[in-house]
Amino acid sequence: MAWALKLPLADEVIESGLVQDFDASLSGIGQELGAGAYSMSDVLALPIFKQEESNLPPESDDKILPFQYVLCAATSPAVKLHDETLTYLNQGQSYEIRMLDNRKMEELPEINGKMVKSIIRVVFHDRRLQYTEHQQLEGWRWNRPGDRILDLDIPMSVGVVDPRANPTQLNTVEFLWDPSKRTSVFIQVHCISTEFTMRKHGGEKGVPFRIQIDTFKENEAGEYTEHLHSASCQIKVFKPKGADRKQKTDREKMEKRAPQEKEKYQPSYETTILTECSPWPEITYVNNSPSPGFNSTHNSFPVNEGNGSPNHQPEPVAQLADNLLPTATPQEAQQWLHRNRFSPFCRLFSNFSGADLLKLTREDVIQICGPADGIRLFNALKGRVVRPRLTIYVCQESQQAREQHQKHENGDGSSNTFFVYHAIYLEELTAVELTEKLAQLFSISPRQISQIFKQGPTGIHVLVSDEMIQNFQDEMCFVLDTMKAETNDGYHIILK
């Protein structure tokens, strides 16, 4: 019994010693932190705690997105930490994308039991190629007539309703689906990354693409225009079985790296989760007519004449300047930023209307976006036009001949004949660019223009090259004549 009474005393002595040791340690911390008593806020201010705090994700990143899209293809192991994942695909192979409903119980109740529409696109990852996307896709169309960049594998897809593929949008497919039911769509990408490289000499690196999915719900008019969610991922497309070889090569390279080097890279995941992004802007391009509509008596293109006259409509291919209007809503301002290659700043300006953006000073924009992009954005907001490198004026020979014939029949021998010329502005000073500009002027496809010649001494026809265009004098005038090509259904254009 006496032994039992002494046990609490021993415990009290031990506890007293621990308290004294703990107090001493606290007083030591207080002395290391500086003058004054111990404060927990001082400890939390130490660098180690600040670093841990900075690594915590912001509250906005914890939100649960209404939908999730999962591409069933492995990510590359050769991607550094904190970089976006990269996935390799084989050309023409069917890949599954799982459309998952992540909504909470009471989230978006208006779409319960209803269909939503998703649009899948294959677009360029590189901003330089995004700017010239229409020209790049048109060039691909000429080289691969009848082919599409993106297709749906409908027999393998599950839960897909009313799938559509617009013939004029080779890189886009759309379909309806019910979020409450299992939905998997299988896609096929038919273009490869090396088809859009600048130089084709073999062994070049292909350009990366993006798979983007935008989902919409019905509005009151029954149209699927109200945006719900968008997500995308980065891909590269190889020739058949090329993606498997590339994945194997990356894996072998990572296995040879030192352990400390491996820690700098992401592991390879079996699937690719598309990450949230801004919706892709809807851009309407001028549709070229399928045939040039040649005159039976003269080989000439139908050009709208006298666009300065009130009796004539302006040229259909004349592209208006994409100026941001003060009345633009925040969503329209976001689309304008996308079209003008300011996508990285869309999140910063997510609540800005057109008027808000136009009120920013040059210093404000540079401070927000940095010097290079800031100056570019400021110039775009103010609608500053860059003078073209070369301007030429063209007129149809058939028009001149027709007007001269009318003058002759009327007995008017005066030389005051009025001819309508059209201005063509060139920036790249290449034969390809001139072909595209002439095709736009005539509302035809550039494929229908086989060659462009310049009439030389004694009436010879000299093939127009890049070097010849670079030596054109500014504001030169040409009369255009056309000649049927012998090898195909196209036409030659002769500059006189």
Protein backbone atom coordinates (compact mmCIF):
# COMPACT_ATOMS: atom_id res chain seq x y z
CA MET A 1 0.00 0.00 0.00
CA ALA A 2 2.89 2.37 0.91
CA TRP A 3 4.44 1.61 -2.47
CA ALA A 4 1.17 2.57 -4.18
CA LEU A 5 1.11 5.94 -2.33
CA LYS A 6 4.64 6.83 -3.48
CA LEU A 7 3.86 6.32 -7.18
CA PRO A 8 1.90 9.57 -7.62
CA LEU A 9 4.71 11.46 -5.91
CA ALA A 10 7.22 10.09 -8.42
CA ASP A 11 4.84 11.02 -11.24
CA GLU A 12 4.57 14.55 -9.91
CA VAL A 13 8.37 14.88 -9.79
CA ILE A 14 8.70 13.61 -13.38
CA GLU A 15 5.88 15.87 -14.57
CA SER A 16 7.46 18.86 -12.83
CA GLY A 17 10.77 18.12 -14.53
CA LEU A 18 9.14 17.86 -17.93
CA VAL A 19 7.33 21.17 -17.44
CA GLN A 20 10.59 22.87 -16.49
CA ASP A 21 12.35 21.39 -19.53
CA PHE A 22 9.48 22.46 -21.81
CA ASP A 23 9.49 25.99 -20.37
CA ALA A 24 13.23 26.17 -20.89
CA SER A 25 12.86 25.09 -24.49
CA LEU A 26 10.16 27.70 -25.07
CA SER A 27 12.27 30.40 -23.52
CA GLY A 28 15.08 29.33 -25.82
CA ILE A 29 12.85 29.74 -28.83
CA GLY A 30 11.82 33.14 -27.60
CA GLN A 31 15.47 34.19 -27.30
CA GLU A 32 16.27 32.92 -30.82
CA LEU A 33 13.35 34.75 -32.33
CA GLY A 34 14.40 38.01 -30.75
CA ALA A 35 13.35 40.17 -27.84
CA GLY A 36 10.11 39.59 -26.03
CA ALA A 37 8.10 36.62 -24.94
CA TYR A 38 7.35 33.49 -26.92
CA SER A 39 4.69 33.94 -29.61
CA MET A 40 3.24 31.23 -31.87
CA SER A 41 2.79 33.81 -34.68
CA ASP A 42 6.55 34.35 -34.64
CA VAL A 43 7.15 30.64 -35.14
CA LEU A 44 4.69 30.50 -38.02
CA ALA A 45 6.57 33.37 -39.64
CA LEU A 46 9.70 31.22 -39.98
CA PRO A 47 10.72 30.51 -43.62
CA ILE A 48 10.02 26.79 -43.37
CA PHE A 49 6.39 27.43 -42.48
CA LYS A 50 6.05 30.08 -45.19
CA GLN A 51 7.31 27.63 -47.81
CA GLU A 52 4.81 24.99 -46.79
CA GLU A 53 2.04 27.55 -46.86
CA SER A 54 2.94 28.71 -50.39
CA ASN A 55 2.69 25.14 -51.68
CA LEU A 56 -0.92 24.83 -50.60
CA PRO A 57 -3.36 25.12 -53.50
CA PRO A 58 -5.66 28.15 -53.47
CA GLU A 59 -9.25 27.66 -52.50
CA SER A 60 -10.40 28.26 -56.07
CA ASP A 61 -8.43 25.22 -57.26
CA ASP A 62 -10.39 22.95 -54.94
CA LYS A 63 -13.67 23.46 -56.74
CA ILE A 64 -15.27 20.40 -58.32
CA LEU A 65 -15.89 20.88 -62.03
CA PRO A 66 -19.29 19.82 -63.40
CA PHE A 67 -17.76 17.50 -65.99
CA GLN A 68 -14.53 15.61 -66.49
CA TYR A 69 -13.11 14.24 -69.74
CA VAL A 70 -10.59 11.40 -69.67
CA LEU A 71 -8.56 10.45 -72.75
CA CYS A 72 -7.63 6.77 -72.55
CA ALA A 73 -4.01 7.15 -73.63
CA ALA A 74 -0.88 7.19 -71.47
CA THR A 75 1.00 10.42 -70.77
CA SER A 76 4.68 10.79 -71.58
CA PRO A 77 7.17 10.19 -68.74
CA ALA A 78 9.56 12.78 -70.22
CA VAL A 79 7.60 15.78 -68.94
CA LYS A 80 9.00 17.86 -66.11
CA LEU A 81 7.10 18.49 -62.90
CA HIS A 82 4.61 21.39 -63.00
CA ASP A 83 4.59 21.25 -66.84
CA GLU A 84 1.47 20.29 -68.74
CA THR A 85 1.13 16.61 -69.60
CA LEU A 86 1.91 15.43 -73.14
CA THR A 87 0.21 12.44 -74.75
CA TYR A 88 1.30 10.61 -77.91
CA LEU A 89 -1.35 9.33 -80.34
CA ASN A 90 -1.15 7.19 -83.46
CA GLN A 91 -2.57 8.56 -86.69
CA GLY A 92 -5.99 7.09 -87.52
CA GLN A 93 -6.22 4.97 -84.35
CA SER A 94 -9.42 5.12 -82.29
CA TYR A 95 -8.99 6.54 -78.79
CA GLU A 96 -11.68 6.60 -76.13
CA ILE A 97 -12.67 9.80 -74.32
CA ARG A 98 -14.85 9.16 -71.27
CA MET A 99 -17.42 11.88 -70.60
CA LEU A 100 -17.95 11.92 -66.81
CA ASP A 101 -20.59 13.78 -64.81
CA ASN A 102 -19.02 15.27 -61.67
CA ARG A 103 -21.91 17.44 -60.56
CA LYS A 104 -22.95 17.63 -56.93
CA MET A 105 -26.47 16.69 -55.91
CA GLU A 106 -28.03 20.14 -56.47
CA GLU A 107 -25.64 21.50 -59.10
CA LEU A 108 -27.07 22.46 -62.51
CA PRO A 109 -30.52 20.93 -61.90
CA GLU A 110 -31.75 22.45 -65.17
CA ILE A 111 -29.89 19.80 -67.20
CA ASN A 112 -31.25 16.82 -65.26
CA GLY A 113 -32.84 14.45 -67.73
CA LYS A 114 -31.74 16.62 -70.66
CA MET A 115 -29.06 16.40 -73.31
CA VAL A 116 -25.98 18.60 -73.52
CA LYS A 117 -23.88 19.25 -76.60
CA SER A 118 -20.11 18.77 -76.69
CA ILE A 119 -17.81 20.02 -79.45
CA ILE A 120 -14.43 18.31 -79.82
CA ARG A 121 -11.65 20.12 -81.67
CA VAL A 122 -8.07 19.40 -82.61
CA VAL A 123 -6.31 22.76 -82.58
CA PHE A 124 -2.76 24.05 -82.54
CA HIS A 125 -0.92 24.39 -79.23
CA ASP A 126 1.57 26.91 -80.61
CA ARG A 127 0.28 30.49 -80.64
CA ARG A 128 2.04 31.27 -83.93
CA LEU A 129 0.12 28.49 -85.64
CA GLN A 130 -3.12 29.47 -83.89
CA TYR A 131 -2.85 32.87 -85.57
CA THR A 132 -2.62 31.25 -89.02
CA GLU A 133 -4.89 28.29 -88.24
CA HIS A 134 -7.28 28.90 -91.13
CA GLN A 135 -4.46 29.06 -93.68
CA GLN A 136 -2.78 25.98 -92.18
CA LEU A 137 -5.97 23.93 -92.32
CA GLU A 138 -6.72 25.09 -95.85
CA GLY A 139 -3.23 24.01 -96.93
CA TRP A 140 -3.81 20.60 -95.34
CA ARG A 141 -7.12 20.35 -97.20
CA TRP A 142 -5.40 20.93 -100.57
CA ASN A 143 -2.78 18.27 -99.87
CA ARG A 144 -5.30 15.75 -98.51
CA PRO A 145 -8.50 16.25 -100.57
CA GLY A 146 -11.49 14.43 -99.13
CA ASP A 147 -9.79 13.68 -95.79
CA ARG A 148 -10.67 15.02 -92.35
CA ILE A 149 -8.38 15.97 -89.49
CA LEU A 150 -10.75 14.65 -86.82
CA ASP A 151 -13.36 11.88 -87.07
CA LEU A 152 -15.71 10.07 -84.71
CA ASP A 153 -15.59 6.28 -84.57
CA ILE A 154 -19.35 5.99 -84.21
CA PRO A 155 -19.66 2.15 -84.02
CA MET A 156 -17.35 2.06 -80.98
CA SER A 157 -18.87 5.09 -79.22
CA VAL A 158 -21.42 4.68 -76.43
CA GLY A 159 -24.16 7.14 -75.43
CA VAL A 160 -23.50 9.49 -78.36
CA VAL A 161 -26.61 11.02 -79.97
CA ASP A 162 -26.84 12.95 -83.26
CA PRO A 163 -23.09 13.02 -84.10
CA ARG A 164 -22.17 15.62 -86.72
CA ALA A 165 -19.09 16.62 -88.68
CA ASN A 166 -19.27 19.84 -90.67
CA PRO A 167 -17.57 19.35 -94.08
CA THR A 168 -16.05 22.86 -93.88
CA GLN A 169 -14.59 22.31 -90.38
CA LEU A 170 -12.17 19.44 -90.80
CA ASN A 171 -10.90 19.59 -87.21
CA THR A 172 -14.26 19.65 -85.39
CA VAL A 173 -16.96 17.13 -84.46
CA GLU A 174 -20.00 17.56 -82.22
CA PHE A 175 -22.63 15.37 -80.60
CA LEU A 176 -25.31 15.26 -77.91
CA TRP A 177 -25.10 13.16 -74.75
CA ASP A 178 -26.97 12.59 -71.50
CA PRO A 179 -24.74 13.28 -68.42
CA SER A 180 -26.76 10.82 -66.35
CA LYS A 181 -25.83 7.93 -68.66
CA ARG A 182 -22.51 6.30 -69.47
CA THR A 183 -20.93 8.10 -72.43
CA SER A 184 -17.69 7.26 -74.22
CA VAL A 185 -16.74 8.79 -77.54
CA PHE A 186 -13.99 7.34 -79.73
CA ILE A 187 -12.03 9.79 -81.88
CA GLN A 188 -9.51 9.41 -84.71
CA VAL A 189 -6.91 12.06 -85.55
CA HIS A 190 -5.75 11.77 -89.18
CA CYS A 191 -3.10 14.51 -89.36
CA ILE A 192 0.41 14.06 -87.95
CA SER A 193 2.43 16.66 -86.11
CA THR A 194 5.20 16.87 -88.72
CA GLU A 195 2.74 17.97 -91.44
CA PHE A 196 2.80 21.50 -90.03
CA THR A 197 6.53 21.98 -89.47
CA MET A 198 8.24 24.83 -91.29
CA ARG A 199 10.98 22.74 -92.93
CA LYS A 200 10.49 19.21 -94.21
CA HIS A 201 13.98 17.67 -94.26
CA GLY A 202 13.35 14.55 -92.18
CA GLY A 203 13.89 14.04 -88.47
CA GLU A 204 12.21 17.33 -87.51
CA LYS A 205 10.14 17.65 -84.35
CA GLY A 206 6.42 17.73 -84.92
CA VAL A 207 4.24 20.54 -83.62
CA PRO A 208 2.00 19.79 -80.63
CA PHE A 209 -1.77 19.89 -80.93
CA ARG A 210 -4.53 20.31 -78.36
CA ILE A 211 -7.72 18.29 -77.95
CA GLN A 212 -10.34 20.68 -76.60
CA ILE A 213 -13.89 19.83 -75.55
CA ASP A 214 -16.54 22.54 -75.03
CA THR A 215 -19.90 21.58 -73.54
CA PHE A 216 -23.11 23.61 -73.83
CA LYS A 217 -26.67 23.40 -72.57
CA GLU A 218 -29.92 24.43 -74.25
CA ASN A 219 -31.19 27.97 -74.01
CA GLU A 220 -34.85 28.99 -73.99
CA ALA A 221 -34.96 28.79 -77.79
CA GLY A 222 -33.75 25.18 -77.75
CA GLU A 223 -30.28 26.05 -79.08
CA TYR A 224 -27.15 24.68 -77.44
CA THR A 225 -25.35 27.99 -76.88
CA GLU A 226 -25.04 28.39 -73.08
CA HIS A 227 -21.51 27.38 -72.11
CA LEU A 228 -21.09 24.92 -69.24
CA HIS A 229 -17.51 23.66 -69.25
CA SER A 230 -14.33 23.46 -71.34
CA ALA A 231 -11.19 21.36 -70.96
CA SER A 232 -8.18 20.45 -73.09
CA CYS A 233 -4.92 18.50 -73.17
CA GLN A 234 -1.71 18.57 -75.19
CA ILE A 235 -0.99 15.82 -77.74
CA LYS A 236 1.40 14.88 -80.51
CA VAL A 237 0.31 12.65 -83.38
CA PHE A 238 2.65 10.18 -85.08
CA LYS A 239 2.37 7.81 -87.99
CA PRO A 240 0.85 4.39 -87.12
CA LYS A 241 2.75 2.74 -84.21
CA GLY A 242 5.01 5.80 -83.99
CA ALA A 243 3.42 6.90 -80.71
CA ASP A 244 4.19 3.52 -79.13
CA ARG A 245 7.85 3.76 -80.21
CA LYS A 246 8.10 7.32 -78.90
CA GLN A 247 6.57 6.32 -75.57
CA LYS A 248 9.03 3.42 -75.29
CA THR A 249 11.98 5.69 -76.14
CA ASP A 250 10.95 8.22 -73.49
CA ARG A 251 10.56 5.47 -70.90
CA GLU A 252 14.01 4.04 -71.67
CA LYS A 253 15.60 7.49 -71.45
CA MET A 254 14.03 8.06 -68.03
CA GLU A 255 15.26 4.67 -66.77
CA LYS A 256 18.84 5.69 -67.61
CA ARG A 257 18.64 8.93 -65.62
CA ALA A 258 20.02 9.25 -62.11
CA PRO A 259 17.47 8.98 -59.26
CA GLN A 260 17.78 12.68 -58.40
CA GLU A 261 17.12 13.55 -62.05
CA LYS A 262 14.04 11.31 -62.20
CA GLU A 263 12.49 13.29 -59.36
CA LYS A 264 12.27 16.32 -61.66
CA TYR A 265 9.89 14.50 -64.04
CA GLN A 266 6.30 13.38 -63.83
CA PRO A 267 5.40 9.70 -63.79
CA SER A 268 3.58 8.29 -66.79
CA TYR A 269 -0.16 8.02 -66.14
CA GLU A 270 -2.31 5.42 -67.86
CA THR A 271 -4.91 8.00 -68.86
CA THR A 272 -4.89 11.72 -69.65
CA ILE A 273 -7.25 14.01 -67.76
CA LEU A 274 -8.22 17.10 -69.72
CA THR A 275 -7.72 20.26 -67.65
CA GLU A 276 -10.14 23.18 -67.46
CA CYS A 277 -9.61 26.00 -69.97
CA SER A 278 -11.42 28.91 -71.58
CA PRO A 279 -14.04 28.13 -74.24
CA TRP A 280 -12.80 28.10 -77.82
CA PRO A 281 -14.00 31.20 -79.68
CA GLU A 282 -16.41 30.68 -82.54
CA ILE A 283 -14.77 32.22 -85.63
CA THR A 284 -16.68 32.36 -88.90
CA TYR A 285 -14.46 32.22 -91.95
CA VAL A 286 -15.39 33.30 -95.45
CA ASN A 287 -16.48 30.21 -97.37
CA ASN A 288 -14.93 29.91 -100.78
CA SER A 289 -17.26 28.93 -103.59
CA PRO A 290 -16.64 25.43 -104.98
CA SER A 291 -16.24 26.62 -108.56
CA PRO A 292 -14.96 29.87 -110.02
CA GLY A 293 -17.84 30.35 -112.45
CA PHE A 294 -15.83 31.18 -115.55
CA ASN A 295 -17.33 33.16 -118.41
CA SER A 296 -17.86 31.17 -121.60
CA THR A 297 -16.31 33.79 -123.89
CA HIS A 298 -13.49 35.08 -121.72
CA ASN A 299 -11.45 33.13 -119.20
CA SER A 300 -12.12 35.50 -116.35
CA PHE A 301 -13.15 35.35 -112.72
CA PRO A 302 -16.33 37.09 -111.52
CA VAL A 303 -15.00 40.00 -109.47
CA ASN A 304 -17.31 42.57 -107.92
CA GLU A 305 -16.62 45.77 -109.79
CA GLY A 306 -16.74 49.33 -108.62
CA ASN A 307 -16.91 48.73 -104.91
CA GLY A 308 -16.82 52.49 -104.45
CA SER A 309 -20.18 52.86 -106.17
CA PRO A 310 -23.41 52.86 -104.14
CA ASN A 311 -24.97 50.55 -106.75
CA HIS A 312 -22.54 47.72 -105.97
CA GLN A 313 -22.01 45.57 -102.90
CA PRO A 314 -18.55 45.53 -101.28
CA GLU A 315 -16.27 42.59 -101.94
CA PRO A 316 -17.40 39.55 -99.94
CA VAL A 317 -13.86 38.55 -99.04
CA ALA A 318 -12.82 41.89 -97.61
CA GLN A 319 -12.05 41.16 -93.97
CA LEU A 320 -13.00 43.80 -91.45
CA ALA A 321 -10.58 44.85 -88.75
CA ASP A 322 -11.21 42.89 -85.55
CA ASN A 323 -11.54 45.87 -83.24
CA LEU A 324 -12.85 45.46 -79.71
CA LEU A 325 -16.01 47.50 -79.17
CA PRO A 326 -16.85 49.29 -75.90
CA THR A 327 -20.23 47.52 -75.89
CA ALA A 328 -18.61 44.05 -75.84
CA THR A 329 -19.68 41.83 -72.94
CA PRO A 330 -17.05 40.04 -70.81
CA GLN A 331 -17.69 36.83 -72.81
CA GLU A 332 -17.23 38.68 -76.12
CA ALA A 333 -14.08 40.29 -74.74
CA GLN A 334 -12.75 36.80 -73.88
CA GLN A 335 -13.41 35.63 -77.45
CA TRP A 336 -11.64 38.72 -78.81
CA LEU A 337 -8.60 37.94 -76.64
CA HIS A 338 -8.56 34.37 -77.99
CA ARG A 339 -8.79 35.49 -81.62
CA ASN A 340 -5.94 37.94 -81.17
CA ARG A 341 -3.59 35.45 -79.44
CA PHE A 342 -3.94 36.75 -75.88
CA SER A 343 -5.24 33.46 -74.44
CA PRO A 344 -2.73 33.37 -71.52
CA PHE A 345 -4.31 36.56 -70.14
CA CYS A 346 -7.93 35.48 -70.43
CA ARG A 347 -8.08 34.48 -66.77
CA LEU A 348 -6.69 37.87 -65.69
CA PHE A 349 -9.32 39.72 -67.71
CA SER A 350 -12.18 37.26 -67.10
CA ASN A 351 -14.48 39.97 -65.67
CA PHE A 352 -13.43 42.79 -68.03
CA SER A 353 -15.91 44.08 -70.57
CA GLY A 354 -14.89 45.82 -73.77
CA ALA A 355 -15.18 49.21 -72.10
CA ASP A 356 -13.01 48.06 -69.17
CA LEU A 357 -10.22 46.89 -71.49
CA LEU A 358 -10.34 50.03 -73.62
CA LYS A 359 -9.96 52.24 -70.53
CA LEU A 360 -6.59 50.67 -69.67
CA THR A 361 -3.58 52.90 -70.27
CA ARG A 362 -0.40 51.76 -71.95
CA GLU A 363 1.34 51.61 -68.57
CA ASP A 364 -1.50 49.53 -67.09
CA VAL A 365 -1.34 46.93 -69.86
CA ILE A 366 2.47 46.66 -69.73
CA GLN A 367 2.37 46.25 -65.95
CA ILE A 368 -0.23 43.46 -66.23
CA CYS A 369 1.07 41.58 -69.27
CA GLY A 370 4.76 42.47 -69.41
CA PRO A 371 6.54 44.67 -71.97
CA ALA A 372 6.28 42.48 -75.10
CA ASP A 373 2.67 41.25 -74.83
CA GLY A 374 1.60 44.47 -73.12
CA ILE A 375 2.62 46.65 -76.08
CA ARG A 376 1.02 44.18 -78.50
CA LEU A 377 -2.25 44.16 -76.53
CA PHE A 378 -2.31 47.94 -76.24
CA ASN A 379 -1.83 48.33 -80.01
CA ALA A 380 -4.56 45.76 -80.66
CA LEU A 381 -6.96 47.54 -78.30
CA LYS A 382 -6.36 50.85 -80.03
CA GLY A 383 -6.80 49.23 -83.45
CA ARG A 384 -3.48 50.39 -84.84
CA VAL A 385 -3.02 49.15 -88.39
CA VAL A 386 0.41 48.08 -89.62
CA ARG A 387 1.28 49.25 -93.13
CA PRO A 388 1.67 46.28 -95.52
CA ARG A 389 5.10 45.55 -96.96
CA LEU A 390 3.84 45.60 -100.55
CA THR A 391 0.70 46.90 -102.24
CA ILE A 392 -0.25 46.04 -105.82
CA TYR A 393 -3.35 46.91 -107.86
CA VAL A 394 -5.03 44.47 -110.23
CA CYS A 395 -7.75 44.76 -112.85
CA GLN A 396 -9.33 42.15 -115.12
CA GLU A 397 -8.41 42.27 -118.80
CA SER A 398 -11.93 41.20 -119.76
CA GLN A 399 -13.32 44.25 -117.96
CA GLN A 400 -10.95 46.59 -119.80
CA ALA A 401 -11.74 45.00 -123.16
CA ARG A 402 -15.47 45.18 -122.50
CA GLU A 403 -15.41 48.87 -121.57
CA GLN A 404 -13.16 49.77 -124.50
CA HIS A 405 -15.52 47.90 -126.85
CA GLN A 406 -18.48 49.84 -125.50
CA LYS A 407 -16.62 53.12 -126.02
CA HIS A 408 -15.80 52.12 -129.59
CA GLU A 409 -19.43 51.22 -130.37
CA ASN A 410 -20.61 54.55 -128.98
CA GLY A 411 -18.13 56.36 -131.22
CA ASP A 412 -16.30 57.83 -128.24
CA GLY A 413 -12.61 57.94 -129.06
CA SER A 414 -11.56 59.65 -125.87
CA SER A 415 -9.07 57.92 -123.64
CA ASN A 416 -10.80 58.84 -120.38
CA THR A 417 -11.84 55.25 -119.72
CA PHE A 418 -12.66 54.40 -116.08
CA PHE A 419 -11.25 51.04 -114.92
CA VAL A 420 -11.77 49.55 -111.47
CA TYR A 421 -8.66 48.16 -109.79
CA HIS A 422 -8.51 46.14 -106.60
CA ALA A 423 -5.80 46.54 -103.98
CA ILE A 424 -3.88 43.48 -102.79
CA TYR A 425 -1.76 43.81 -99.65
CA LEU A 426 1.17 41.42 -99.16
CA GLU A 427 3.10 40.81 -95.94
CA GLU A 428 5.13 37.65 -96.56
CA LEU A 429 6.05 38.51 -100.18
CA THR A 430 5.67 34.92 -101.38
CA ALA A 431 3.98 33.33 -104.38
CA VAL A 432 1.78 31.28 -102.04
CA GLU A 433 0.52 34.44 -100.32
CA LEU A 434 -0.20 36.11 -103.67
CA THR A 435 -2.12 33.00 -104.78
CA GLU A 436 -4.23 33.09 -101.60
CA LYS A 437 -4.95 36.82 -101.95
CA LEU A 438 -6.00 36.44 -105.58
CA ALA A 439 -8.19 33.48 -104.65
CA GLN A 440 -9.86 35.56 -101.94
CA LEU A 441 -10.41 38.38 -104.42
CA PHE A 442 -12.08 36.01 -106.90
CA SER A 443 -13.98 34.04 -104.22
CA ILE A 444 -12.44 30.74 -105.31
CA SER A 445 -10.23 28.08 -103.77
CA PRO A 446 -6.47 28.63 -104.14
CA ARG A 447 -6.29 25.09 -105.53
CA GLN A 448 -7.94 26.32 -108.70
CA ILE A 449 -5.00 28.62 -109.44
CA SER A 450 -2.30 26.41 -110.92
CA GLN A 451 0.42 28.97 -111.69
CA ILE A 452 0.90 32.73 -111.75
CA PHE A 453 2.93 34.21 -114.62
CA LYS A 454 4.15 37.73 -115.38
CA GLN A 455 4.22 38.81 -118.99
CA GLY A 456 7.79 39.69 -119.93
CA PRO A 457 9.53 41.09 -123.00
CA THR A 458 8.13 39.98 -126.39
CA GLY A 459 5.11 38.54 -124.58
CA ILE A 460 6.91 35.67 -122.83
CA HIS A 461 5.37 34.22 -119.66
CA VAL A 462 7.73 34.30 -116.65
CA LEU A 463 6.82 32.16 -113.65
CA VAL A 464 6.22 34.35 -110.59
CA SER A 465 8.51 33.32 -107.73
CA ASP A 466 9.10 34.61 -104.22
CA GLU A 467 12.18 36.48 -105.39
CA MET A 468 10.25 38.18 -108.20
CA ILE A 469 7.56 39.39 -105.78
CA GLN A 470 10.22 40.71 -103.42
CA ASN A 471 11.49 42.85 -106.30
CA PHE A 472 8.07 44.28 -107.20
CA GLN A 473 7.84 48.03 -106.80
CA ASP A 474 5.25 49.23 -104.32
CA GLU A 475 1.85 50.16 -105.83
CA MET A 476 2.48 48.49 -109.19
CA CYS A 477 -0.56 48.04 -111.45
CA PHE A 478 -1.34 44.79 -113.27
CA VAL A 479 -4.01 43.68 -115.72
CA LEU A 480 -5.03 40.06 -115.08
CA ASP A 481 -5.68 37.50 -117.78
CA THR A 482 -6.46 33.83 -117.28
CA MET A 483 -5.58 30.72 -119.23
CA LYS A 484 -6.88 27.16 -118.83
CA ALA A 485 -4.32 24.76 -117.39
CA GLU A 486 -3.58 21.74 -119.54
CA THR A 487 -2.91 19.20 -116.78
CA ASN A 488 -5.88 19.79 -114.47
CA ASP A 489 -9.08 21.76 -114.05
CA GLY A 490 -7.21 24.78 -112.71
CA TYR A 491 -6.27 28.03 -114.37
CA HIS A 492 -3.13 30.07 -114.88
CA ILE A 493 -3.17 33.78 -114.07
CA ILE A 494 -1.07 36.17 -116.16
CA LEU A 495 0.01 39.55 -114.78
CA LYS A 496 0.36 42.10 -117.60
